[in-house]
PDB file of N, CA and C in Angstrom:
ATOM      1  N   UNK A   1     -27.880  67.805 -42.926  1.00  0.00           N
ATOM      2  CA  UNK A   1     -28.650  67.105 -41.919  1.00  0.00           C
ATOM      3  C   UNK A   1     -27.720  66.143 -41.178  1.00  0.00           C
ATOM      4  N   UNK A   2     -27.732  66.202 -39.868  1.00  0.00           N
ATOM      5  CA  UNK A   2     -26.864  65.364 -39.049  1.00  0.00           C
ATOM      6  C   UNK A   2     -27.362  63.925 -39.043  1.00  0.00           C
ATOM      7  N   UNK A   3     -26.413  63.037 -39.143  1.00  0.00           N
ATOM      8  CA  UNK A   3     -26.741  61.612 -39.105  1.00  0.00           C
ATOM      9  C   UNK A   3     -26.848  61.173 -37.650  1.00  0.00           C
ATOM     10  N   UNK A   4     -27.898  60.460 -37.325  1.00  0.00           N
ATOM     11  CA  UNK A   4     -28.091  59.989 -35.960  1.00  0.00           C
ATOM     12  C   UNK A   4     -27.452  58.610 -35.810  1.00  0.00           C
ATOM     13  N   UNK A   5     -26.610  58.484 -34.801  1.00  0.00           N
ATOM     14  CA  UNK A   5     -25.945  57.217 -34.531  1.00  0.00           C
ATOM     15  C   UNK A   5     -26.624  56.518 -33.364  1.00  0.00           C
ATOM     16  N   UNK A   6     -26.657  55.214 -33.430  1.00  0.00           N
ATOM     17  CA  UNK A   6     -27.209  54.437 -32.326  1.00  0.00           C
ATOM     18  C   UNK A   6     -26.088  53.645 -31.675  1.00  0.00           C
ATOM     19  N   UNK A   7     -26.250  53.353 -30.423  1.00  0.00           N
ATOM     20  CA  UNK A   7     -25.266  52.579 -29.685  1.00  0.00           C
ATOM     21  C   UNK A   7     -25.463  51.104 -29.991  1.00  0.00           C
ATOM     22  N   UNK A   8     -24.361  50.427 -30.306  1.00  0.00           N
ATOM     23  CA  UNK A   8     -24.419  48.999 -30.593  1.00  0.00           C
ATOM     24  C   UNK A   8     -23.987  48.233 -29.351  1.00  0.00           C
ATOM     25  N   UNK A   9     -24.777  47.271 -28.953  1.00  0.00           N
ATOM     26  CA  UNK A   9     -24.442  46.424 -27.817  1.00  0.00           C
ATOM     27  C   UNK A   9     -24.180  45.018 -28.340  1.00  0.00           C
ATOM     28  N   UNK A  10     -22.919  44.561 -28.326  1.00  0.00           N
ATOM     29  CA  UNK A  10     -22.616  43.227 -28.854  1.00  0.00           C
ATOM     30  C   UNK A  10     -23.330  42.108 -28.095  1.00  0.00           C
ATOM     31  N   UNK A  11     -23.731  42.356 -26.855  1.00  0.00           N
ATOM     32  CA  UNK A  11     -24.440  41.333 -26.081  1.00  0.00           C
ATOM     33  C   UNK A  11     -25.743  40.935 -26.765  1.00  0.00           C
ATOM     34  N   UNK A  12     -26.363  41.873 -27.468  1.00  0.00           N
ATOM     35  CA  UNK A  12     -27.634  41.593 -28.145  1.00  0.00           C
ATOM     36  C   UNK A  12     -27.478  40.587 -29.282  1.00  0.00           C
ATOM     37  N   UNK A  13     -26.273  40.489 -29.836  1.00  0.00           N
ATOM     38  CA  UNK A  13     -26.036  39.575 -30.958  1.00  0.00           C
ATOM     39  C   UNK A  13     -25.694  38.155 -30.503  1.00  0.00           C
ATOM     40  N   UNK A  14     -25.411  37.990 -29.231  1.00  0.00           N
ATOM     41  CA  UNK A  14     -25.009  36.680 -28.711  1.00  0.00           C
ATOM     42  C   UNK A  14     -26.244  35.929 -28.233  1.00  0.00           C
ATOM     43  N   UNK A  15     -26.887  35.246 -29.163  1.00  0.00           N
ATOM     44  CA  UNK A  15     -28.176  34.628 -28.865  1.00  0.00           C
ATOM     45  C   UNK A  15     -28.123  33.123 -28.650  1.00  0.00           C
ATOM     46  N   UNK A  16     -26.998  32.486 -28.972  1.00  0.00           N
ATOM     47  CA  UNK A  16     -26.918  31.043 -28.722  1.00  0.00           C
ATOM     48  C   UNK A  16     -25.497  30.657 -28.309  1.00  0.00           C
ATOM     49  N   UNK A  17     -25.363  29.427 -27.808  1.00  0.00           N
ATOM     50  CA  UNK A  17     -24.086  28.962 -27.270  1.00  0.00           C
ATOM     51  C   UNK A  17     -22.979  28.934 -28.317  1.00  0.00           C
ATOM     52  N   UNK A  18     -23.316  28.639 -29.559  1.00  0.00           N
ATOM     53  CA  UNK A  18     -22.304  28.598 -30.618  1.00  0.00           C
ATOM     54  C   UNK A  18     -21.720  29.994 -30.869  1.00  0.00           C
ATOM     55  N   UNK A  19     -22.583  31.007 -30.910  1.00  0.00           N
ATOM     56  CA  UNK A  19     -22.111  32.380 -31.103  1.00  0.00           C
ATOM     57  C   UNK A  19     -21.252  32.824 -29.922  1.00  0.00           C
ATOM     58  N   UNK A  20     -21.655  32.432 -28.730  1.00  0.00           N
ATOM     59  CA  UNK A  20     -20.894  32.781 -27.531  1.00  0.00           C
ATOM     60  C   UNK A  20     -19.525  32.115 -27.563  1.00  0.00           C
ATOM     61  N   UNK A  21     -19.471  30.843 -27.916  1.00  0.00           N
ATOM     62  CA  UNK A  21     -18.198  30.128 -27.987  1.00  0.00           C
ATOM     63  C   UNK A  21     -17.273  30.770 -29.020  1.00  0.00           C
ATOM     64  N   UNK A  22     -17.805  31.135 -30.179  1.00  0.00           N
ATOM     65  CA  UNK A  22     -17.014  31.778 -31.221  1.00  0.00           C
ATOM     66  C   UNK A  22     -16.501  33.133 -30.737  1.00  0.00           C
ATOM     67  N   UNK A  23     -17.366  33.900 -30.095  1.00  0.00           N
ATOM     68  CA  UNK A  23     -17.011  35.222 -29.571  1.00  0.00           C
ATOM     69  C   UNK A  23     -15.875  35.108 -28.556  1.00  0.00           C
ATOM     70  N   UNK A  24     -15.984  34.144 -27.629  1.00  0.00           N
ATOM     71  CA  UNK A  24     -14.954  33.975 -26.610  1.00  0.00           C
ATOM     72  C   UNK A  24     -13.657  33.425 -27.200  1.00  0.00           C
ATOM     73  N   UNK A  25     -13.756  32.511 -28.164  1.00  0.00           N
ATOM     74  CA  UNK A  25     -12.546  31.990 -28.813  1.00  0.00           C
ATOM     75  C   UNK A  25     -11.783  33.128 -29.483  1.00  0.00           C
ATOM     76  N   UNK A  26     -12.520  34.018 -30.129  1.00  0.00           N
ATOM     77  CA  UNK A  26     -11.904  35.175 -30.775  1.00  0.00           C
ATOM     78  C   UNK A  26     -11.216  36.063 -29.737  1.00  0.00           C
ATOM     79  N   UNK A  27     -11.857  36.262 -28.599  1.00  0.00           N
ATOM     80  CA  UNK A  27     -11.267  37.082 -27.536  1.00  0.00           C
ATOM     81  C   UNK A  27      -9.981  36.443 -27.016  1.00  0.00           C
ATOM     82  N   UNK A  28     -10.000  35.137 -26.797  1.00  0.00           N
ATOM     83  CA  UNK A  28      -8.805  34.456 -26.295  1.00  0.00           C
ATOM     84  C   UNK A  28      -7.665  34.482 -27.305  1.00  0.00           C
ATOM     85  N   UNK A  29      -7.988  34.496 -28.585  1.00  0.00           N
ATOM     86  CA  UNK A  29      -6.960  34.565 -29.623  1.00  0.00           C
ATOM     87  C   UNK A  29      -6.133  35.842 -29.524  1.00  0.00           C
ATOM     88  N   UNK A  30      -6.711  36.913 -28.979  1.00  0.00           N
ATOM     89  CA  UNK A  30      -5.978  38.176 -28.872  1.00  0.00           C
ATOM     90  C   UNK A  30      -4.848  38.083 -27.857  1.00  0.00           C
ATOM     91  N   UNK A  31      -5.013  37.238 -26.840  1.00  0.00           N
ATOM     92  CA  UNK A  31      -4.016  37.144 -25.786  1.00  0.00           C
ATOM     93  C   UNK A  31      -4.016  38.347 -24.849  1.00  0.00           C
ATOM     94  N   UNK A  32      -4.986  39.215 -24.989  1.00  0.00           N
ATOM     95  CA  UNK A  32      -5.084  40.444 -24.201  1.00  0.00           C
ATOM     96  C   UNK A  32      -6.050  40.210 -23.037  1.00  0.00           C
ATOM     97  N   UNK A  33      -5.507  40.174 -21.820  1.00  0.00           N
ATOM     98  CA  UNK A  33      -6.316  39.857 -20.637  1.00  0.00           C
ATOM     99  C   UNK A  33      -7.476  40.828 -20.450  1.00  0.00           C
ATOM    100  N   UNK A  34      -7.237  42.112 -20.675  1.00  0.00           N
ATOM    101  CA  UNK A  34      -8.307  43.105 -20.507  1.00  0.00           C
ATOM    102  C   UNK A  34      -9.413  42.888 -21.535  1.00  0.00           C
ATOM    103  N   UNK A  35      -9.033  42.564 -22.755  1.00  0.00           N
ATOM    104  CA  UNK A  35     -10.019  42.318 -23.815  1.00  0.00           C
ATOM    105  C   UNK A  35     -10.838  41.064 -23.504  1.00  0.00           C
ATOM    106  N   UNK A  36     -10.163  40.030 -23.011  1.00  0.00           N
ATOM    107  CA  UNK A  36     -10.842  38.777 -22.657  1.00  0.00           C
ATOM    108  C   UNK A  36     -11.847  39.032 -21.534  1.00  0.00           C
ATOM    109  N   UNK A  37     -11.432  39.778 -20.521  1.00  0.00           N
ATOM    110  CA  UNK A  37     -12.328  40.086 -19.401  1.00  0.00           C
ATOM    111  C   UNK A  37     -13.534  40.886 -19.883  1.00  0.00           C
ATOM    112  N   UNK A  38     -13.298  41.855 -20.752  1.00  0.00           N
ATOM    113  CA  UNK A  38     -14.404  42.655 -21.283  1.00  0.00           C
ATOM    114  C   UNK A  38     -15.352  41.774 -22.089  1.00  0.00           C
ATOM    115  N   UNK A  39     -14.805  40.879 -22.909  1.00  0.00           N
ATOM    116  CA  UNK A  39     -15.636  39.967 -23.703  1.00  0.00           C
ATOM    117  C   UNK A  39     -16.456  39.064 -22.790  1.00  0.00           C
ATOM    118  N   UNK A  40     -15.856  38.590 -21.721  1.00  0.00           N
ATOM    119  CA  UNK A  40     -16.575  37.740 -20.772  1.00  0.00           C
ATOM    120  C   UNK A  40     -17.713  38.520 -20.122  1.00  0.00           C
ATOM    121  N   UNK A  41     -17.488  39.785 -19.842  1.00  0.00           N
ATOM    122  CA  UNK A  41     -18.545  40.639 -19.310  1.00  0.00           C
ATOM    123  C   UNK A  41     -19.681  40.829 -20.299  1.00  0.00           C
ATOM    124  N   UNK A  42     -19.346  40.952 -21.583  1.00  0.00           N
ATOM    125  CA  UNK A  42     -20.369  41.082 -22.629  1.00  0.00           C
ATOM    126  C   UNK A  42     -21.225  39.820 -22.666  1.00  0.00           C
ATOM    127  N   UNK A  43     -20.574  38.663 -22.602  1.00  0.00           N
ATOM    128  CA  UNK A  43     -21.304  37.394 -22.632  1.00  0.00           C
ATOM    129  C   UNK A  43     -22.181  37.258 -21.387  1.00  0.00           C
ATOM    130  N   UNK A  44     -21.654  37.657 -20.243  1.00  0.00           N
ATOM    131  CA  UNK A  44     -22.446  37.588 -19.007  1.00  0.00           C
ATOM    132  C   UNK A  44     -23.692  38.469 -19.118  1.00  0.00           C
ATOM    133  N   UNK A  45     -23.548  39.658 -19.714  1.00  0.00           N
ATOM    134  CA  UNK A  45     -24.718  40.518 -19.922  1.00  0.00           C
ATOM    135  C   UNK A  45     -25.697  39.876 -20.893  1.00  0.00           C
ATOM    136  N   UNK A  46     -25.171  39.200 -21.908  1.00  0.00           N
ATOM    137  CA  UNK A  46     -26.042  38.541 -22.888  1.00  0.00           C
ATOM    138  C   UNK A  46     -26.879  37.450 -22.225  1.00  0.00           C
ATOM    139  N   UNK A  47     -26.277  36.736 -21.299  1.00  0.00           N
ATOM    140  CA  UNK A  47     -26.984  35.655 -20.599  1.00  0.00           C
ATOM    141  C   UNK A  47     -27.863  36.182 -19.469  1.00  0.00           C
ATOM    142  N   UNK A  48     -27.507  37.358 -18.957  1.00  0.00           N
ATOM    143  CA  UNK A  48     -28.252  37.950 -17.844  1.00  0.00           C
ATOM    144  C   UNK A  48     -27.415  37.941 -16.579  1.00  0.00           C
ATOM    145  N   UNK A  49     -27.051  39.115 -16.108  1.00  0.00           N
ATOM    146  CA  UNK A  49     -26.191  39.220 -14.923  1.00  0.00           C
ATOM    147  C   UNK A  49     -26.838  38.608 -13.689  1.00  0.00           C
ATOM    148  N   UNK A  50     -28.143  38.723 -13.559  1.00  0.00           N
ATOM    149  CA  UNK A  50     -28.814  38.146 -12.388  1.00  0.00           C
ATOM    150  C   UNK A  50     -28.662  36.633 -12.374  1.00  0.00           C
ATOM    151  N   UNK A  51     -28.820  36.019 -13.541  1.00  0.00           N
ATOM    152  CA  UNK A  51     -28.672  34.562 -13.648  1.00  0.00           C
ATOM    153  C   UNK A  51     -27.238  34.142 -13.338  1.00  0.00           C
ATOM    154  N   UNK A  52     -26.270  34.880 -13.869  1.00  0.00           N
ATOM    155  CA  UNK A  52     -24.862  34.559 -13.630  1.00  0.00           C
ATOM    156  C   UNK A  52     -24.529  34.763 -12.152  1.00  0.00           C
ATOM    157  N   UNK A  53     -25.045  35.821 -11.562  1.00  0.00           N
ATOM    158  CA  UNK A  53     -24.811  36.079 -10.138  1.00  0.00           C
ATOM    159  C   UNK A  53     -25.342  34.923  -9.296  1.00  0.00           C
ATOM    160  N   UNK A  54     -26.533  34.465  -9.621  1.00  0.00           N
ATOM    161  CA  UNK A  54     -27.129  33.353  -8.876  1.00  0.00           C
ATOM    162  C   UNK A  54     -26.296  32.080  -9.021  1.00  0.00           C
ATOM    163  N   UNK A  55     -25.850  31.785 -10.235  1.00  0.00           N
ATOM    164  CA  UNK A  55     -25.079  30.560 -10.480  1.00  0.00           C
ATOM    165  C   UNK A  55     -23.695  30.593  -9.839  1.00  0.00           C
ATOM    166  N   UNK A  56     -23.109  31.784  -9.731  1.00  0.00           N
ATOM    167  CA  UNK A  56     -21.750  31.891  -9.198  1.00  0.00           C
ATOM    168  C   UNK A  56     -21.701  32.209  -7.711  1.00  0.00           C
ATOM    169  N   UNK A  57     -22.813  32.712  -7.170  1.00  0.00           N
ATOM    170  CA  UNK A  57     -22.805  33.133  -5.778  1.00  0.00           C
ATOM    171  C   UNK A  57     -22.183  34.515  -5.589  1.00  0.00           C
ATOM    172  N   UNK A  58     -21.933  35.211  -6.681  1.00  0.00           N
ATOM    173  CA  UNK A  58     -21.388  36.566  -6.634  1.00  0.00           C
ATOM    174  C   UNK A  58     -22.533  37.559  -6.817  1.00  0.00           C
ATOM    175  N   UNK A  59     -22.339  38.769  -6.334  1.00  0.00           N
ATOM    176  CA  UNK A  59     -23.385  39.779  -6.512  1.00  0.00           C
ATOM    177  C   UNK A  59     -23.317  40.364  -7.920  1.00  0.00           C
ATOM    178  N   UNK A  60     -24.450  40.884  -8.383  1.00  0.00           N
ATOM    179  CA  UNK A  60     -24.483  41.544  -9.691  1.00  0.00           C
ATOM    180  C   UNK A  60     -23.495  42.706  -9.711  1.00  0.00           C
ATOM    181  N   UNK A  61     -23.441  43.451  -8.614  1.00  0.00           N
ATOM    182  CA  UNK A  61     -22.543  44.596  -8.525  1.00  0.00           C
ATOM    183  C   UNK A  61     -21.092  44.159  -8.675  1.00  0.00           C
ATOM    184  N   UNK A  62     -20.735  43.049  -8.012  1.00  0.00           N
ATOM    185  CA  UNK A  62     -19.368  42.537  -8.107  1.00  0.00           C
ATOM    186  C   UNK A  62     -19.053  42.121  -9.539  1.00  0.00           C
ATOM    187  N   UNK A  63     -20.012  41.492 -10.198  1.00  0.00           N
ATOM    188  CA  UNK A  63     -19.798  41.075 -11.582  1.00  0.00           C
ATOM    189  C   UNK A  63     -19.627  42.282 -12.502  1.00  0.00           C
ATOM    190  N   UNK A  64     -20.515  43.255 -12.379  1.00  0.00           N
ATOM    191  CA  UNK A  64     -20.400  44.462 -13.209  1.00  0.00           C
ATOM    192  C   UNK A  64     -19.060  45.153 -12.968  1.00  0.00           C
ATOM    193  N   UNK A  65     -18.655  45.252 -11.712  1.00  0.00           N
ATOM    194  CA  UNK A  65     -17.392  45.908 -11.364  1.00  0.00           C
ATOM    195  C   UNK A  65     -16.204  45.117 -11.915  1.00  0.00           C
ATOM    196  N   UNK A  66     -16.236  43.800 -11.758  1.00  0.00           N
ATOM    197  CA  UNK A  66     -15.124  42.960 -12.201  1.00  0.00           C
ATOM    198  C   UNK A  66     -14.910  43.010 -13.705  1.00  0.00           C
ATOM    199  N   UNK A  67     -16.011  43.086 -14.456  1.00  0.00           N
ATOM    200  CA  UNK A  67     -15.910  43.012 -15.911  1.00  0.00           C
ATOM    201  C   UNK A  67     -16.132  44.356 -16.601  1.00  0.00           C
ATOM    202  N   UNK A  68     -15.984  45.438 -15.835  1.00  0.00           N
ATOM    203  CA  UNK A  68     -16.100  46.776 -16.420  1.00  0.00           C
ATOM    204  C   UNK A  68     -14.781  47.148 -17.099  1.00  0.00           C
ATOM    205  N   UNK A  69     -14.750  48.316 -17.741  1.00  0.00           N
ATOM    206  CA  UNK A  69     -13.533  48.828 -18.396  1.00  0.00           C
ATOM    207  C   UNK A  69     -12.352  48.814 -17.433  1.00  0.00           C
ATOM    208  N   UNK A  70     -12.604  49.196 -16.199  1.00  0.00           N
ATOM    209  CA  UNK A  70     -11.532  49.326 -15.217  1.00  0.00           C
ATOM    210  C   UNK A  70     -11.425  48.111 -14.310  1.00  0.00           C
ATOM    211  N   UNK A  71     -12.231  47.107 -14.557  1.00  0.00           N
ATOM    212  CA  UNK A  71     -12.234  45.924 -13.712  1.00  0.00           C
ATOM    213  C   UNK A  71     -10.996  45.064 -13.907  1.00  0.00           C
ATOM    214  N   UNK A  72     -10.745  44.237 -12.932  1.00  0.00           N
ATOM    215  CA  UNK A  72      -9.623  43.309 -12.989  1.00  0.00           C
ATOM    216  C   UNK A  72     -10.054  42.044 -12.248  1.00  0.00           C
ATOM    217  N   UNK A  73     -10.884  41.212 -12.889  1.00  0.00           N
ATOM    218  CA  UNK A  73     -11.424  40.042 -12.193  1.00  0.00           C
ATOM    219  C   UNK A  73     -10.329  39.055 -11.806  1.00  0.00           C
ATOM    220  N   UNK A  74     -10.520  38.437 -10.662  1.00  0.00           N
ATOM    221  CA  UNK A  74      -9.583  37.402 -10.241  1.00  0.00           C
ATOM    222  C   UNK A  74      -9.788  36.166 -11.112  1.00  0.00           C
ATOM    223  N   UNK A  75      -8.819  35.286 -11.097  1.00  0.00           N
ATOM    224  CA  UNK A  75      -8.949  34.037 -11.840  1.00  0.00           C
ATOM    225  C   UNK A  75     -10.132  33.239 -11.298  1.00  0.00           C
ATOM    226  N   UNK A  76     -10.322  33.269  -9.980  1.00  0.00           N
ATOM    227  CA  UNK A  76     -11.445  32.555  -9.358  1.00  0.00           C
ATOM    228  C   UNK A  76     -12.779  33.066  -9.901  1.00  0.00           C
ATOM    229  N   UNK A  77     -12.936  34.385  -9.982  1.00  0.00           N
ATOM    230  CA  UNK A  77     -14.166  34.977 -10.522  1.00  0.00           C
ATOM    231  C   UNK A  77     -14.333  34.633 -11.991  1.00  0.00           C
ATOM    232  N   UNK A  78     -13.249  34.750 -12.745  1.00  0.00           N
ATOM    233  CA  UNK A  78     -13.292  34.446 -14.178  1.00  0.00           C
ATOM    234  C   UNK A  78     -13.723  33.008 -14.423  1.00  0.00           C
ATOM    235  N   UNK A  79     -13.129  32.070 -13.698  1.00  0.00           N
ATOM    236  CA  UNK A  79     -13.477  30.658 -13.880  1.00  0.00           C
ATOM    237  C   UNK A  79     -14.916  30.376 -13.455  1.00  0.00           C
ATOM    238  N   UNK A  80     -15.365  31.008 -12.375  1.00  0.00           N
ATOM    239  CA  UNK A  80     -16.748  30.812 -11.918  1.00  0.00           C
ATOM    240  C   UNK A  80     -17.733  31.298 -12.969  1.00  0.00           C
ATOM    241  N   UNK A  81     -17.455  32.454 -13.557  1.00  0.00           N
ATOM    242  CA  UNK A  81     -18.340  33.000 -14.588  1.00  0.00           C
ATOM    243  C   UNK A  81     -18.300  32.123 -15.834  1.00  0.00           C
ATOM    244  N   UNK A  82     -17.121  31.676 -16.223  1.00  0.00           N
ATOM    245  CA  UNK A  82     -17.022  30.809 -17.400  1.00  0.00           C
ATOM    246  C   UNK A  82     -17.829  29.531 -17.194  1.00  0.00           C
ATOM    247  N   UNK A  83     -17.722  28.955 -16.004  1.00  0.00           N
ATOM    248  CA  UNK A  83     -18.490  27.743 -15.698  1.00  0.00           C
ATOM    249  C   UNK A  83     -19.988  28.024 -15.783  1.00  0.00           C
ATOM    250  N   UNK A  84     -20.407  29.142 -15.225  1.00  0.00           N
ATOM    251  CA  UNK A  84     -21.826  29.514 -15.238  1.00  0.00           C
ATOM    252  C   UNK A  84     -22.328  29.746 -16.658  1.00  0.00           C
ATOM    253  N   UNK A  85     -21.445  30.219 -17.526  1.00  0.00           N
ATOM    254  CA  UNK A  85     -21.816  30.475 -18.919  1.00  0.00           C
ATOM    255  C   UNK A  85     -21.749  29.225 -19.783  1.00  0.00           C
ATOM    256  N   UNK A  86     -21.160  28.167 -19.238  1.00  0.00           N
ATOM    257  CA  UNK A  86     -21.001  26.948 -20.026  1.00  0.00           C
ATOM    258  C   UNK A  86     -19.857  27.051 -21.018  1.00  0.00           C
ATOM    259  N   UNK A  87     -18.901  27.938 -20.722  1.00  0.00           N
ATOM    260  CA  UNK A  87     -17.731  28.128 -21.580  1.00  0.00           C
ATOM    261  C   UNK A  87     -16.550  27.452 -20.913  1.00  0.00           C
ATOM    262  N   UNK A  88     -15.797  26.698 -21.683  1.00  0.00           N
ATOM    263  CA  UNK A  88     -14.670  25.934 -21.169  1.00  0.00           C
ATOM    264  C   UNK A  88     -13.361  26.652 -21.473  1.00  0.00           C
ATOM    265  N   UNK A  89     -12.430  26.554 -20.564  1.00  0.00           N
ATOM    266  CA  UNK A  89     -11.090  27.078 -20.780  1.00  0.00           C
ATOM    267  C   UNK A  89     -10.193  25.880 -21.061  1.00  0.00           C
ATOM    268  N   UNK A  90      -9.670  25.808 -22.265  1.00  0.00           N
ATOM    269  CA  UNK A  90      -8.808  24.690 -22.631  1.00  0.00           C
ATOM    270  C   UNK A  90      -7.443  25.215 -23.041  1.00  0.00           C
ATOM    271  N   UNK A  91      -6.494  24.317 -23.091  1.00  0.00           N
ATOM    272  CA  UNK A  91      -5.147  24.699 -23.502  1.00  0.00           C
ATOM    273  C   UNK A  91      -4.738  23.919 -24.733  1.00  0.00           C
ATOM    274  N   UNK A  92      -3.795  24.495 -25.444  1.00  0.00           N
ATOM    275  CA  UNK A  92      -3.205  23.828 -26.598  1.00  0.00           C
ATOM    276  C   UNK A  92      -1.775  24.321 -26.700  1.00  0.00           C
ATOM    277  N   UNK A  93      -0.907  23.562 -27.344  1.00  0.00           N
ATOM    278  CA  UNK A  93       0.479  24.014 -27.478  1.00  0.00           C
ATOM    279  C   UNK A  93       0.547  25.356 -28.207  1.00  0.00           C
ATOM    280  N   UNK A  94       1.419  26.204 -27.737  1.00  0.00           N
ATOM    281  CA  UNK A  94       1.604  27.514 -28.354  1.00  0.00           C
ATOM    282  C   UNK A  94       2.769  27.424 -29.328  1.00  0.00           C
ATOM    283  N   UNK A  95       2.540  27.796 -30.550  1.00  0.00           N
ATOM    284  CA  UNK A  95       3.590  27.788 -31.570  1.00  0.00           C
ATOM    285  C   UNK A  95       3.807  29.215 -32.035  1.00  0.00           C
ATOM    286  N   UNK A  96       4.979  29.740 -31.725  1.00  0.00           N
ATOM    287  CA  UNK A  96       5.295  31.134 -32.095  1.00  0.00           C
ATOM    288  C   UNK A  96       5.522  31.293 -33.579  1.00  0.00           C
TER     289      UNK A  96
END
């Protein structure tokens, strides 16, 4: 008998600001720009793309395109979305 698999959407698990902050901190730890952008897109979906579009002044289509697998959001778009999500970008000394 074949096992039925279901699609997991990580956005469904991001239900509060603490979980979102932890999720984004983990993404930033990777240092991988594409992974960070994808994670930011997941968080935006969790909060609601329409709400993020309204807060940033960007269209839903632009947001979906920017944070898709093939997207490459500008720093301006990334910062606008982070602000709308209530996520802060901070720096700390890098120790190799």
